[in-house]
N, C-alpha and C. Protein backbone atom coordinates (compact mmCIF):
# COMPACT_ATOMS: atom_id res chain seq x y z
N UNK A 1 37.79 -39.90 83.50
CA UNK A 1 38.33 -39.03 82.37
C UNK A 1 39.05 -39.85 81.47
N UNK A 2 38.57 -39.92 80.30
CA UNK A 2 38.89 -40.52 79.01
C UNK A 2 39.99 -39.82 78.21
N UNK A 3 39.59 -38.51 77.89
CA UNK A 3 40.50 -37.96 77.15
C UNK A 3 41.81 -37.69 77.77
N UNK A 4 42.70 -37.76 76.46
CA UNK A 4 44.10 -37.38 77.02
C UNK A 4 44.28 -35.88 77.07
N UNK A 5 45.13 -35.36 78.05
CA UNK A 5 45.04 -33.82 78.53
C UNK A 5 46.17 -33.26 78.01
N UNK A 6 45.88 -32.00 77.42
CA UNK A 6 47.12 -31.38 76.90
C UNK A 6 47.55 -30.38 77.93
N UNK A 7 49.16 -30.78 78.37
CA UNK A 7 49.50 -30.03 79.51
C UNK A 7 50.56 -29.00 78.91
N UNK A 8 50.07 -27.53 78.87
CA UNK A 8 51.11 -26.75 78.37
C UNK A 8 51.81 -26.02 79.52
N UNK A 9 53.22 -25.98 79.49
CA UNK A 9 54.06 -25.38 80.31
C UNK A 9 54.63 -24.08 79.59
N UNK A 10 54.25 -23.05 80.20
CA UNK A 10 54.90 -21.70 79.66
C UNK A 10 56.47 -21.53 80.24
N UNK A 11 57.26 -21.22 79.23
CA UNK A 11 58.68 -20.94 79.57
C UNK A 11 59.08 -19.60 79.07
N UNK A 12 60.11 -18.98 80.07
CA UNK A 12 60.62 -17.79 79.77
C UNK A 12 62.07 -17.69 79.97
N UNK A 13 62.55 -16.56 79.86
CA UNK A 13 64.31 -16.48 80.36
C UNK A 13 64.16 -16.18 81.96
N UNK A 14 65.19 -16.68 82.42
CA UNK A 14 65.42 -16.36 83.90
C UNK A 14 64.22 -17.33 84.55
N UNK A 15 63.82 -18.21 84.20
CA UNK A 15 62.82 -19.22 84.70
C UNK A 15 63.56 -19.87 85.91
N UNK A 16 62.89 -20.22 87.04
CA UNK A 16 63.30 -21.48 87.81
C UNK A 16 63.57 -22.95 87.08
N UNK A 17 64.68 -23.30 87.29
CA UNK A 17 64.58 -24.77 86.57
C UNK A 17 63.37 -25.69 87.03
N UNK A 18 63.67 -25.90 88.09
CA UNK A 18 62.68 -26.99 88.83
C UNK A 18 61.28 -26.76 88.85
N UNK A 19 60.97 -25.43 88.59
CA UNK A 19 59.62 -24.88 88.65
C UNK A 19 58.70 -25.55 87.30
N UNK A 20 59.63 -25.68 86.47
CA UNK A 20 58.86 -26.42 85.29
C UNK A 20 59.51 -27.77 85.00
N UNK A 21 60.64 -28.33 85.44
CA UNK A 21 61.17 -29.27 85.49
C UNK A 21 60.53 -30.65 86.03
N UNK A 22 60.12 -29.88 87.32
CA UNK A 22 59.56 -30.98 88.22
C UNK A 22 58.17 -31.50 87.70
N UNK A 23 57.07 -30.29 87.54
CA UNK A 23 55.69 -30.74 86.95
C UNK A 23 56.01 -31.63 85.60
N UNK A 24 56.94 -31.13 84.81
CA UNK A 24 57.17 -32.16 83.49
C UNK A 24 57.70 -33.28 83.70
N UNK A 25 58.33 -33.46 84.79
CA UNK A 25 58.61 -34.97 85.05
C UNK A 25 57.49 -36.02 85.59
N UNK A 26 56.64 -35.08 86.37
CA UNK A 26 55.24 -35.72 86.87
C UNK A 26 54.06 -36.29 85.89
N UNK A 27 54.08 -35.06 85.00
CA UNK A 27 53.13 -35.43 84.03
C UNK A 27 53.47 -36.59 82.89
N UNK A 28 54.78 -36.02 82.37
CA UNK A 28 55.11 -37.28 81.43
C UNK A 28 55.67 -38.61 82.05
N UNK A 29 56.04 -38.75 83.58
CA UNK A 29 56.25 -40.20 83.72
C UNK A 29 55.01 -40.65 84.21
N UNK A 30 53.74 -39.92 84.49
CA UNK A 30 52.46 -40.67 84.71
C UNK A 30 52.15 -41.21 83.13
N UNK A 31 52.34 -40.32 82.05
CA UNK A 31 51.83 -40.83 80.81
C UNK A 31 52.71 -42.01 80.55
N UNK A 32 53.94 -42.04 80.55
CA UNK A 32 54.73 -43.13 80.23
C UNK A 32 54.25 -44.21 81.16
N UNK A 33 54.07 -44.19 82.33
CA UNK A 33 54.05 -45.41 83.19
C UNK A 33 52.50 -46.04 82.81
N UNK A 34 51.72 -45.07 82.12
CA UNK A 34 50.45 -45.94 81.72
C UNK A 34 49.88 -45.77 80.48
N UNK A 35 50.97 -46.45 79.42
CA UNK A 35 50.87 -46.52 78.09
C UNK A 35 50.56 -45.16 77.37
N UNK A 36 51.30 -44.06 77.87
CA UNK A 36 51.06 -42.91 77.26
C UNK A 36 49.70 -42.40 77.15
N UNK A 37 48.81 -42.97 78.00
CA UNK A 37 47.53 -42.24 78.36
C UNK A 37 47.73 -41.11 79.18
N UNK A 38 46.60 -40.42 79.13
CA UNK A 38 46.51 -39.51 80.33
C UNK A 38 46.95 -38.04 79.95
N UNK A 39 48.14 -37.75 79.62
CA UNK A 39 48.62 -36.57 79.27
C UNK A 39 49.58 -36.39 78.06
N UNK A 40 49.69 -35.33 77.41
CA UNK A 40 50.45 -34.85 76.31
C UNK A 40 51.00 -33.64 76.74
N UNK A 41 52.48 -33.80 77.16
CA UNK A 41 53.17 -32.55 77.70
C UNK A 41 54.15 -31.82 76.70
N UNK A 42 53.80 -30.42 76.58
CA UNK A 42 54.85 -29.52 75.77
C UNK A 42 54.98 -28.28 76.45
N UNK A 43 56.05 -27.94 76.12
CA UNK A 43 56.55 -26.47 76.46
C UNK A 43 56.19 -25.39 75.43
N UNK A 44 55.99 -24.03 75.74
CA UNK A 44 55.80 -22.97 74.81
C UNK A 44 56.41 -21.46 75.55
N UNK A 45 57.12 -21.08 74.41
CA UNK A 45 57.70 -19.71 74.83
C UNK A 45 56.89 -18.51 73.66
N UNK A 46 57.35 -17.44 74.07
CA UNK A 46 56.20 -16.74 73.24
C UNK A 46 56.70 -16.69 71.93
N UNK A 47 58.06 -16.59 71.81
CA UNK A 47 58.33 -16.47 70.47
C UNK A 47 58.76 -18.00 69.76
N UNK A 48 58.95 -18.82 70.40
CA UNK A 48 59.36 -20.33 70.09
C UNK A 48 60.86 -20.40 70.07
N UNK A 49 61.55 -19.11 70.32
CA UNK A 49 62.95 -19.42 70.63
C UNK A 49 63.25 -19.85 72.09
N UNK A 50 64.88 -20.76 72.07
CA UNK A 50 65.29 -21.04 73.20
C UNK A 50 65.14 -19.98 74.51
N UNK A 51 65.10 -20.48 75.58
CA UNK A 51 64.93 -19.68 76.64
C UNK A 51 66.59 -20.05 77.78
N UNK A 52 66.75 -19.32 78.46
CA UNK A 52 67.88 -19.73 79.38
C UNK A 52 67.17 -19.43 80.98
N UNK A 53 67.52 -20.64 81.67
CA UNK A 53 66.81 -20.65 83.15
C UNK A 53 67.89 -19.64 84.08
N UNK A 54 67.41 -19.38 85.32
CA UNK A 54 68.07 -18.68 86.14
C UNK A 54 69.75 -19.10 86.28
N UNK A 55 69.77 -20.62 86.10
CA UNK A 55 70.85 -21.28 86.52
C UNK A 55 71.88 -21.42 85.22
N UNK A 56 70.93 -20.97 84.14
CA UNK A 56 72.12 -20.95 82.94
C UNK A 56 71.73 -22.27 81.82
N UNK A 57 71.07 -23.22 82.15
CA UNK A 57 70.37 -24.11 81.41
C UNK A 57 69.69 -23.58 80.15
N UNK A 58 69.88 -23.64 78.86
CA UNK A 58 69.30 -23.40 77.66
C UNK A 58 68.07 -24.31 77.25
N UNK A 59 66.82 -24.00 77.02
CA UNK A 59 65.89 -25.10 76.91
C UNK A 59 65.26 -24.70 75.32
N UNK A 60 65.10 -25.44 74.85
CA UNK A 60 64.54 -25.26 73.44
C UNK A 60 62.73 -25.79 73.68
N UNK A 61 61.75 -24.79 73.36
CA UNK A 61 60.60 -25.19 73.53
C UNK A 61 60.04 -25.83 72.32
N UNK A 62 58.86 -26.43 72.69
CA UNK A 62 58.09 -27.21 71.63
C UNK A 62 57.41 -26.22 70.53
N UNK A 63 56.83 -25.37 71.13
CA UNK A 63 55.77 -24.48 70.41
C UNK A 63 56.11 -23.09 70.89
N UNK A 64 55.33 -21.92 69.82
CA UNK A 64 55.45 -20.55 70.25
C UNK A 64 53.78 -20.17 70.54
N UNK A 65 53.68 -18.88 70.94
CA UNK A 65 52.22 -18.30 71.48
C UNK A 65 51.16 -18.58 70.14
N UNK A 66 51.56 -19.03 68.79
CA UNK A 66 50.82 -18.77 67.87
C UNK A 66 50.69 -20.18 67.25
N UNK A 67 51.43 -21.06 67.67
CA UNK A 67 51.38 -22.68 66.93
C UNK A 67 51.06 -23.90 67.87
N UNK A 68 50.48 -23.48 69.28
CA UNK A 68 50.66 -24.87 70.05
C UNK A 68 49.35 -25.21 70.08
N UNK A 69 49.28 -26.82 70.73
CA UNK A 69 47.75 -27.20 70.50
C UNK A 69 47.12 -26.70 71.79
N UNK A 70 45.83 -26.91 71.69
CA UNK A 70 45.07 -26.33 72.84
C UNK A 70 45.46 -27.06 74.02
N UNK A 71 45.19 -25.98 75.18
CA UNK A 71 45.84 -26.44 76.42
C UNK A 71 44.67 -26.57 77.59
N UNK A 72 44.91 -27.92 78.11
CA UNK A 72 43.61 -28.30 79.13
C UNK A 72 44.30 -27.89 80.36
N UNK A 73 45.49 -28.03 80.62
CA UNK A 73 46.20 -27.92 82.03
C UNK A 73 47.52 -26.89 81.69
N UNK A 74 47.21 -25.85 81.99
CA UNK A 74 48.21 -24.87 81.80
C UNK A 74 49.20 -24.56 83.18
N UNK A 75 50.45 -24.71 83.03
CA UNK A 75 51.43 -24.59 84.05
C UNK A 75 52.31 -23.17 83.83
N UNK A 76 52.15 -22.36 84.87
CA UNK A 76 52.72 -21.13 84.77
C UNK A 76 54.09 -21.20 86.09
N UNK A 77 55.09 -21.37 85.65
CA UNK A 77 56.33 -21.50 86.72
C UNK A 77 56.76 -20.13 86.83
N UNK A 78 57.72 -20.19 87.98
CA UNK A 78 58.13 -18.91 88.63
C UNK A 78 59.87 -18.71 88.06
N UNK A 79 60.32 -17.97 89.06
CA UNK A 79 61.70 -17.25 88.46
C UNK A 79 61.93 -15.89 88.70
N UNK A 80 63.05 -15.35 88.66
CA UNK A 80 63.14 -13.94 88.55
C UNK A 80 62.78 -13.25 87.29
N UNK A 81 62.62 -14.00 86.26
CA UNK A 81 61.91 -13.80 85.05
C UNK A 81 60.69 -13.24 85.04
N UNK A 82 59.80 -13.62 85.96
CA UNK A 82 58.46 -13.36 86.10
C UNK A 82 58.02 -11.94 86.46
N UNK A 83 59.38 -11.06 86.85
CA UNK A 83 59.41 -9.62 87.23
C UNK A 83 59.13 -8.73 85.95
N UNK A 84 59.84 -9.35 84.79
CA UNK A 84 59.62 -8.54 83.65
C UNK A 84 58.53 -9.34 82.59
N UNK A 85 58.28 -10.54 83.01
CA UNK A 85 57.03 -11.03 81.99
C UNK A 85 56.03 -10.68 82.44
N UNK A 86 55.49 -10.25 83.90
CA UNK A 86 54.46 -9.78 84.35
C UNK A 86 54.11 -8.24 83.70
N UNK A 87 55.03 -7.64 82.97
CA UNK A 87 54.77 -6.17 82.57
C UNK A 87 54.98 -6.14 80.79
N UNK A 88 54.51 -7.66 80.32
CA UNK A 88 54.68 -7.71 78.72
C UNK A 88 53.15 -7.99 78.61
N UNK A 89 52.56 -6.94 77.98
CA UNK A 89 51.24 -7.08 77.33
C UNK A 89 50.83 -8.09 76.50
N UNK A 90 51.76 -8.75 75.99
CA UNK A 90 51.57 -10.01 74.92
C UNK A 90 51.58 -11.23 75.97
N UNK A 91 52.40 -11.17 76.47
CA UNK A 91 52.37 -12.14 77.56
C UNK A 91 51.06 -12.51 78.56
N UNK A 92 50.74 -11.18 79.19
CA UNK A 92 49.50 -11.44 79.99
C UNK A 92 48.29 -11.77 79.01
N UNK A 93 47.97 -11.04 77.77
CA UNK A 93 47.16 -11.61 76.97
C UNK A 93 46.80 -12.85 76.78
N UNK A 94 47.87 -13.57 76.22
CA UNK A 94 48.01 -14.97 76.01
C UNK A 94 47.55 -15.74 77.34
N UNK A 95 48.20 -15.42 78.27
CA UNK A 95 47.86 -16.01 79.52
C UNK A 95 46.56 -16.12 79.82
N UNK A 96 45.94 -14.99 79.69
CA UNK A 96 44.47 -14.65 80.06
C UNK A 96 43.50 -15.60 79.03
N UNK A 97 43.91 -15.39 77.82
CA UNK A 97 43.28 -16.43 76.88
C UNK A 97 43.39 -17.82 77.23
N UNK A 98 44.49 -18.37 77.60
CA UNK A 98 44.86 -19.72 77.80
C UNK A 98 44.02 -19.76 79.33
N UNK A 99 44.16 -19.33 80.17
CA UNK A 99 43.27 -19.47 81.60
C UNK A 99 41.77 -19.87 81.11
N UNK A 100 41.21 -18.87 80.24
CA UNK A 100 39.97 -18.87 79.89
C UNK A 100 39.49 -19.90 78.98
N UNK A 101 40.46 -20.72 78.63
CA UNK A 101 40.10 -21.77 77.74
C UNK A 101 40.43 -23.34 78.22
N UNK A 102 41.56 -23.13 79.53
CA UNK A 102 41.91 -24.35 80.00
C UNK A 102 41.04 -24.87 81.23
N UNK A 103 41.19 -26.04 81.27
CA UNK A 103 40.12 -26.62 82.54
C UNK A 103 40.75 -26.30 83.85
N UNK A 104 42.23 -26.40 83.98
CA UNK A 104 43.05 -25.93 85.24
C UNK A 104 43.94 -25.12 85.00
N UNK A 105 44.67 -24.16 85.75
CA UNK A 105 45.66 -23.52 85.56
C UNK A 105 46.60 -23.56 86.92
N UNK A 106 47.75 -23.78 86.91
CA UNK A 106 48.42 -24.09 87.91
C UNK A 106 49.72 -23.02 87.89
N UNK A 107 49.87 -22.44 88.90
CA UNK A 107 51.20 -21.71 89.10
C UNK A 107 52.46 -22.36 90.15
N UNK A 108 53.46 -22.12 89.84
CA UNK A 108 54.48 -22.74 90.64
C UNK A 108 55.51 -21.50 91.40
N UNK A 109 55.45 -21.44 92.55
CA UNK A 109 56.68 -20.37 92.99
C UNK A 109 56.10 -19.00 92.67
N UNK A 110 56.89 -18.22 92.20
CA UNK A 110 56.55 -17.05 91.72
C UNK A 110 55.89 -16.74 90.69
N UNK A 111 55.46 -17.91 90.10
CA UNK A 111 54.30 -17.73 88.85
C UNK A 111 52.89 -16.98 89.17
N UNK A 112 52.74 -16.88 90.55
CA UNK A 112 51.51 -16.12 91.27
C UNK A 112 51.59 -14.83 90.61
N UNK A 113 53.05 -14.23 90.42
CA UNK A 113 53.04 -12.80 90.01
C UNK A 113 52.14 -12.54 88.68
N UNK A 114 52.24 -13.52 87.70
CA UNK A 114 51.57 -13.22 86.38
C UNK A 114 50.10 -13.44 86.63
N UNK A 115 49.69 -14.55 87.39
CA UNK A 115 48.33 -14.56 87.56
C UNK A 115 47.58 -13.50 88.49
N UNK A 116 48.50 -13.05 89.24
CA UNK A 116 48.14 -12.01 90.20
C UNK A 116 48.02 -10.59 89.40
N UNK A 117 49.03 -10.35 88.68
CA UNK A 117 48.90 -9.20 88.03
C UNK A 117 47.51 -9.18 86.86
N UNK A 118 46.92 -10.32 86.33
CA UNK A 118 45.75 -10.39 85.64
C UNK A 118 44.43 -10.41 86.41
N UNK A 119 44.75 -10.46 88.11
CA UNK A 119 43.65 -10.10 88.88
C UNK A 119 42.84 -11.60 88.98
N UNK A 120 43.46 -12.65 88.56
CA UNK A 120 42.93 -14.13 88.66
C UNK A 120 43.03 -14.56 90.00
N UNK A 121 43.90 -14.03 90.99
CA UNK A 121 44.02 -14.30 92.24
C UNK A 121 43.32 -13.67 93.29
N UNK A 122 42.35 -12.56 93.14
CA UNK A 122 41.58 -11.77 93.91
C UNK A 122 40.72 -12.73 94.63
N UNK A 123 41.00 -12.70 96.01
CA UNK A 123 40.04 -13.46 97.08
C UNK A 123 39.93 -14.65 96.75
N UNK A 124 41.29 -15.22 96.40
CA UNK A 124 41.44 -16.68 96.38
C UNK A 124 42.72 -16.79 97.67
N UNK A 125 42.68 -18.27 97.98
CA UNK A 125 43.25 -18.67 98.87
C UNK A 125 44.75 -19.06 98.07
N UNK A 126 45.84 -18.71 98.39
CA UNK A 126 47.20 -18.91 97.56
C UNK A 126 48.26 -19.26 98.29
N UNK A 127 49.24 -19.86 97.69
CA UNK A 127 50.62 -19.83 98.23
C UNK A 127 51.81 -19.62 97.01
N UNK A 128 52.96 -18.86 97.31
CA UNK A 128 53.88 -18.85 96.52
C UNK A 128 55.34 -19.17 97.36
N UNK A 129 56.45 -18.80 96.68
CA UNK A 129 57.55 -19.10 97.43
C UNK A 129 57.66 -18.01 98.33
N UNK A 130 58.29 -18.42 99.63
CA UNK A 130 58.20 -17.71 100.90
C UNK A 130 58.70 -16.16 100.61
N UNK A 131 59.80 -15.94 99.79
CA UNK A 131 60.59 -14.65 99.39
C UNK A 131 59.75 -13.93 98.60
N UNK A 132 58.44 -14.32 98.08
CA UNK A 132 57.48 -13.52 97.15
C UNK A 132 56.33 -13.13 97.68
N UNK A 133 55.99 -13.65 99.14
CA UNK A 133 54.82 -13.32 99.97
C UNK A 133 54.70 -11.85 99.95
N UNK A 134 55.76 -11.16 100.05
CA UNK A 134 55.55 -9.58 100.46
C UNK A 134 55.36 -9.03 98.88
N UNK A 135 55.86 -9.24 97.86
CA UNK A 135 55.32 -8.84 96.48
C UNK A 135 54.01 -9.21 96.24
N UNK A 136 53.35 -10.47 96.57
CA UNK A 136 52.00 -10.85 96.10
C UNK A 136 51.27 -9.69 97.28
N UNK A 137 51.38 -9.59 98.19
CA UNK A 137 50.63 -8.54 98.96
C UNK A 137 50.24 -7.26 98.25
N UNK A 138 51.25 -6.85 97.34
CA UNK A 138 51.32 -5.71 96.68
C UNK A 138 50.39 -5.95 95.56
N UNK A 139 50.78 -7.12 94.74
CA UNK A 139 50.36 -7.31 93.26
C UNK A 139 48.88 -7.83 93.41
N UNK A 140 48.66 -8.79 94.42
CA UNK A 140 47.03 -9.28 94.60
C UNK A 140 46.82 -9.17 95.87
N UNK A 141 46.58 -7.62 96.39
CA UNK A 141 46.16 -7.64 97.73
C UNK A 141 44.93 -8.04 98.80
N UNK A 142 43.99 -8.73 97.84
CA UNK A 142 43.01 -9.06 98.29
C UNK A 142 43.13 -10.72 98.31
N UNK A 143 44.12 -11.18 97.59
CA UNK A 143 44.32 -12.82 97.82
C UNK A 143 44.63 -13.15 99.20
N UNK A 144 44.24 -14.34 99.61
CA UNK A 144 44.40 -14.88 100.82
C UNK A 144 45.56 -15.67 100.95
N UNK A 145 46.81 -15.32 101.58
CA UNK A 145 48.02 -16.12 101.52
C UNK A 145 48.10 -16.97 102.58
N UNK A 146 48.25 -18.46 102.07
CA UNK A 146 48.21 -19.34 103.16
C UNK A 146 49.70 -19.72 103.39
N UNK A 147 50.38 -19.16 104.50
CA UNK A 147 51.56 -19.33 104.37
C UNK A 147 51.77 -20.93 105.07
N UNK A 148 53.07 -21.60 104.83
CA UNK A 148 53.22 -22.97 105.48
C UNK A 148 52.43 -24.06 104.87
N UNK A 149 51.95 -23.83 103.70
CA UNK A 149 51.25 -25.20 103.06
C UNK A 149 52.15 -25.28 101.76
N UNK A 150 52.04 -26.44 101.26
CA UNK A 150 52.74 -26.75 99.89
C UNK A 150 51.82 -26.31 98.63
N UNK A 151 50.63 -26.37 98.78
CA UNK A 151 49.99 -25.91 97.78
C UNK A 151 48.49 -25.58 97.85
N UNK A 152 47.71 -24.92 97.09
CA UNK A 152 46.17 -24.59 97.68
C UNK A 152 45.57 -25.08 96.17
N UNK A 153 44.14 -25.44 96.32
CA UNK A 153 43.27 -25.47 95.11
C UNK A 153 41.98 -24.82 95.32
N UNK A 154 41.99 -24.01 94.40
CA UNK A 154 40.47 -23.15 94.04
C UNK A 154 40.00 -23.68 93.10
N UNK A 155 39.77 -24.79 92.78
CA UNK A 155 38.97 -25.59 91.49
C UNK A 155 39.83 -25.25 90.03
N UNK A 156 39.55 -24.26 89.76
CA UNK A 156 40.40 -23.98 88.33
C UNK A 156 41.78 -23.38 88.43
N UNK A 157 41.83 -22.49 89.64
CA UNK A 157 43.35 -22.23 89.66
C UNK A 157 43.95 -23.00 91.02
N UNK A 158 45.31 -23.20 90.84
CA UNK A 158 45.81 -23.94 91.89
C UNK A 158 47.31 -23.48 91.91
N UNK A 159 47.77 -23.26 93.13
CA UNK A 159 49.00 -22.63 93.30
C UNK A 159 50.15 -23.23 94.28
N UNK A 160 51.18 -23.24 94.04
CA UNK A 160 52.17 -24.16 94.81
C UNK A 160 53.24 -22.99 95.38
N UNK A 161 53.81 -23.65 96.49
CA UNK A 161 54.70 -22.90 97.18
C UNK A 161 56.07 -22.84 96.36
N UNK A 162 57.27 -22.53 96.63
CA UNK A 162 58.23 -22.45 95.98
C UNK A 162 58.99 -23.86 95.44
N UNK A 163 59.45 -23.67 94.35
CA UNK A 163 60.19 -24.64 93.62
C UNK A 163 60.02 -26.26 93.81
N UNK A 164 60.49 -27.18 94.54
CA UNK A 164 59.90 -28.32 94.90
C UNK A 164 58.57 -28.61 94.97
N UNK A 165 57.96 -27.66 95.48
CA UNK A 165 56.35 -27.74 95.85
C UNK A 165 55.59 -27.83 94.67
N UNK A 166 56.19 -27.76 93.43
CA UNK A 166 55.41 -27.93 92.00
C UNK A 166 55.30 -29.35 91.79
N UNK A 167 56.14 -30.34 92.35
CA UNK A 167 56.14 -31.59 92.21
C UNK A 167 54.83 -32.16 93.12
N UNK A 168 54.68 -31.43 94.38
CA UNK A 168 53.65 -31.90 95.02
C UNK A 168 52.23 -31.51 94.50
N UNK A 169 52.10 -30.51 94.11
CA UNK A 169 50.81 -29.99 93.20
C UNK A 169 50.75 -30.81 91.99
N UNK A 170 51.68 -31.28 91.41
CA UNK A 170 51.46 -31.85 90.08
C UNK A 170 50.97 -33.36 90.65
N UNK A 171 51.59 -33.92 91.49
CA UNK A 171 51.27 -35.10 92.11
C UNK A 171 49.93 -35.35 92.24
N UNK A 172 49.40 -34.14 93.34
CA UNK A 172 47.90 -34.08 93.72
C UNK A 172 47.01 -33.87 92.69
N UNK A 173 47.32 -33.06 91.31
CA UNK A 173 46.74 -32.99 90.22
C UNK A 173 46.40 -34.36 89.79
N UNK A 174 47.48 -35.03 89.43
CA UNK A 174 47.45 -36.42 89.03
C UNK A 174 46.36 -37.31 89.70
N UNK A 175 46.58 -37.26 91.03
CA UNK A 175 45.77 -37.87 92.06
C UNK A 175 44.31 -37.63 91.91
N UNK A 176 44.07 -36.31 91.80
CA UNK A 176 42.59 -35.90 91.76
C UNK A 176 41.87 -36.02 90.37
N UNK A 177 42.90 -36.37 89.14
CA UNK A 177 42.25 -36.88 87.89
C UNK A 177 41.97 -38.03 87.82
N UNK A 178 43.05 -38.71 88.45
CA UNK A 178 43.15 -40.34 87.97
C UNK A 178 43.24 -41.06 89.17
N UNK A 179 43.36 -40.56 90.24
CA UNK A 179 43.20 -41.33 91.67
C UNK A 179 44.45 -41.60 92.54
N UNK A 180 44.41 -42.32 93.32
CA UNK A 180 45.61 -42.48 94.36
C UNK A 180 46.79 -43.27 93.83
N UNK A 181 46.07 -44.43 93.24
CA UNK A 181 46.92 -45.46 92.55
C UNK A 181 47.96 -45.06 91.90
N UNK A 182 47.39 -44.18 90.66
CA UNK A 182 48.13 -43.68 89.56
C UNK A 182 48.98 -42.84 90.26
N UNK A 183 48.89 -41.87 90.97
CA UNK A 183 49.70 -40.80 91.58
C UNK A 183 50.88 -41.67 92.33
N UNK A 184 50.63 -42.66 93.08
CA UNK A 184 51.50 -43.46 93.92
C UNK A 184 52.53 -43.94 93.00
N UNK A 185 51.99 -44.70 91.89
CA UNK A 185 52.94 -45.20 90.84
C UNK A 185 54.02 -44.41 90.14
N UNK A 186 53.69 -43.00 90.00
CA UNK A 186 54.35 -41.93 89.53
C UNK A 186 55.32 -41.55 90.64
N UNK A 187 54.73 -41.35 91.86
CA UNK A 187 55.83 -40.77 92.79
C UNK A 187 56.81 -41.94 93.34
N UNK A 188 56.34 -43.10 93.30
CA UNK A 188 57.57 -44.45 93.61
C UNK A 188 58.37 -44.52 92.65
N UNK A 189 57.86 -44.38 91.28
CA UNK A 189 58.82 -44.32 90.10
C UNK A 189 60.12 -43.27 90.22
N UNK A 190 59.54 -41.99 90.51
CA UNK A 190 60.60 -40.91 90.84
C UNK A 190 61.07 -40.84 92.22
N UNK A 191 61.09 -42.15 92.78
CA UNK A 191 61.58 -42.01 94.57
C UNK A 191 61.24 -40.57 95.14
N UNK A 192 59.75 -40.20 95.18
CA UNK A 192 59.61 -39.04 95.66
C UNK A 192 58.66 -39.18 96.84
N UNK A 193 58.82 -38.80 97.81
CA UNK A 193 58.20 -38.63 99.32
C UNK A 193 58.10 -39.96 99.60
N UNK A 194 56.76 -40.17 100.61
CA UNK A 194 56.75 -41.35 101.39
C UNK A 194 55.90 -42.21 100.69
N UNK A 195 55.54 -42.01 99.80
CA UNK A 195 54.35 -42.65 99.04
C UNK A 195 54.45 -44.39 98.75
N UNK A 196 55.76 -44.61 99.28
CA UNK A 196 55.97 -46.13 99.06
C UNK A 196 55.13 -46.87 100.28
C-alpha cells in the first residue's frame, strides 16, 4: 500500500480519553517512525469546537463535519457520551457517510453503540466494553458478541473491547496494512505488550 491513509478520529463530549488517545498514539507514532509515511491522523468534532473527556481533559479538534479531509480509516471511540451521540441525527448521518466512503471503520469500547444504532453491526462478530454488552444486546440484537477477545475483524468494520484494547486493535491494523515488522517497531517504541 503506497498511499498515505487519512485516519479520522471522531471526538465528542464525555468521550473516554484512552479510547481515542491510544489509537492516536499508535497511528501517529507509526507515521513518525517511518518518515511520516503511512498515516495522516486528525480529529473531528461535529462543530469544530473543543470537547471535554469523561475525566475533564479539554481537547481542541482539527476539523468539523464540514471541513475535514476524506477519511480512509474512521475511528469511533466510546465513553459515556455515546449514549447521547447515538440519538443525534446529524451525527448518525455523518458517521454513515464516512463509513460508506472509508476503507475501514474501527470502534473502540462503547463506540459500538453508534455503529450498532446505524445497523452496521447486524449479524457481525463484535466486542465492546464488558459493561456495555447488555446495551449492545438491545441496540444490535443480531450482532454476535465475542466475549473475552480484545478485538474483532469483519473486514471493513473492526471492533475492540474497552479502553486500552483500542491500542491492540490499532497495532493489529498497522500490522495488517504494513506488516509485523512495522507494527512491532511501533509497539516497542511505545513500550507496549510483549513484542520485544
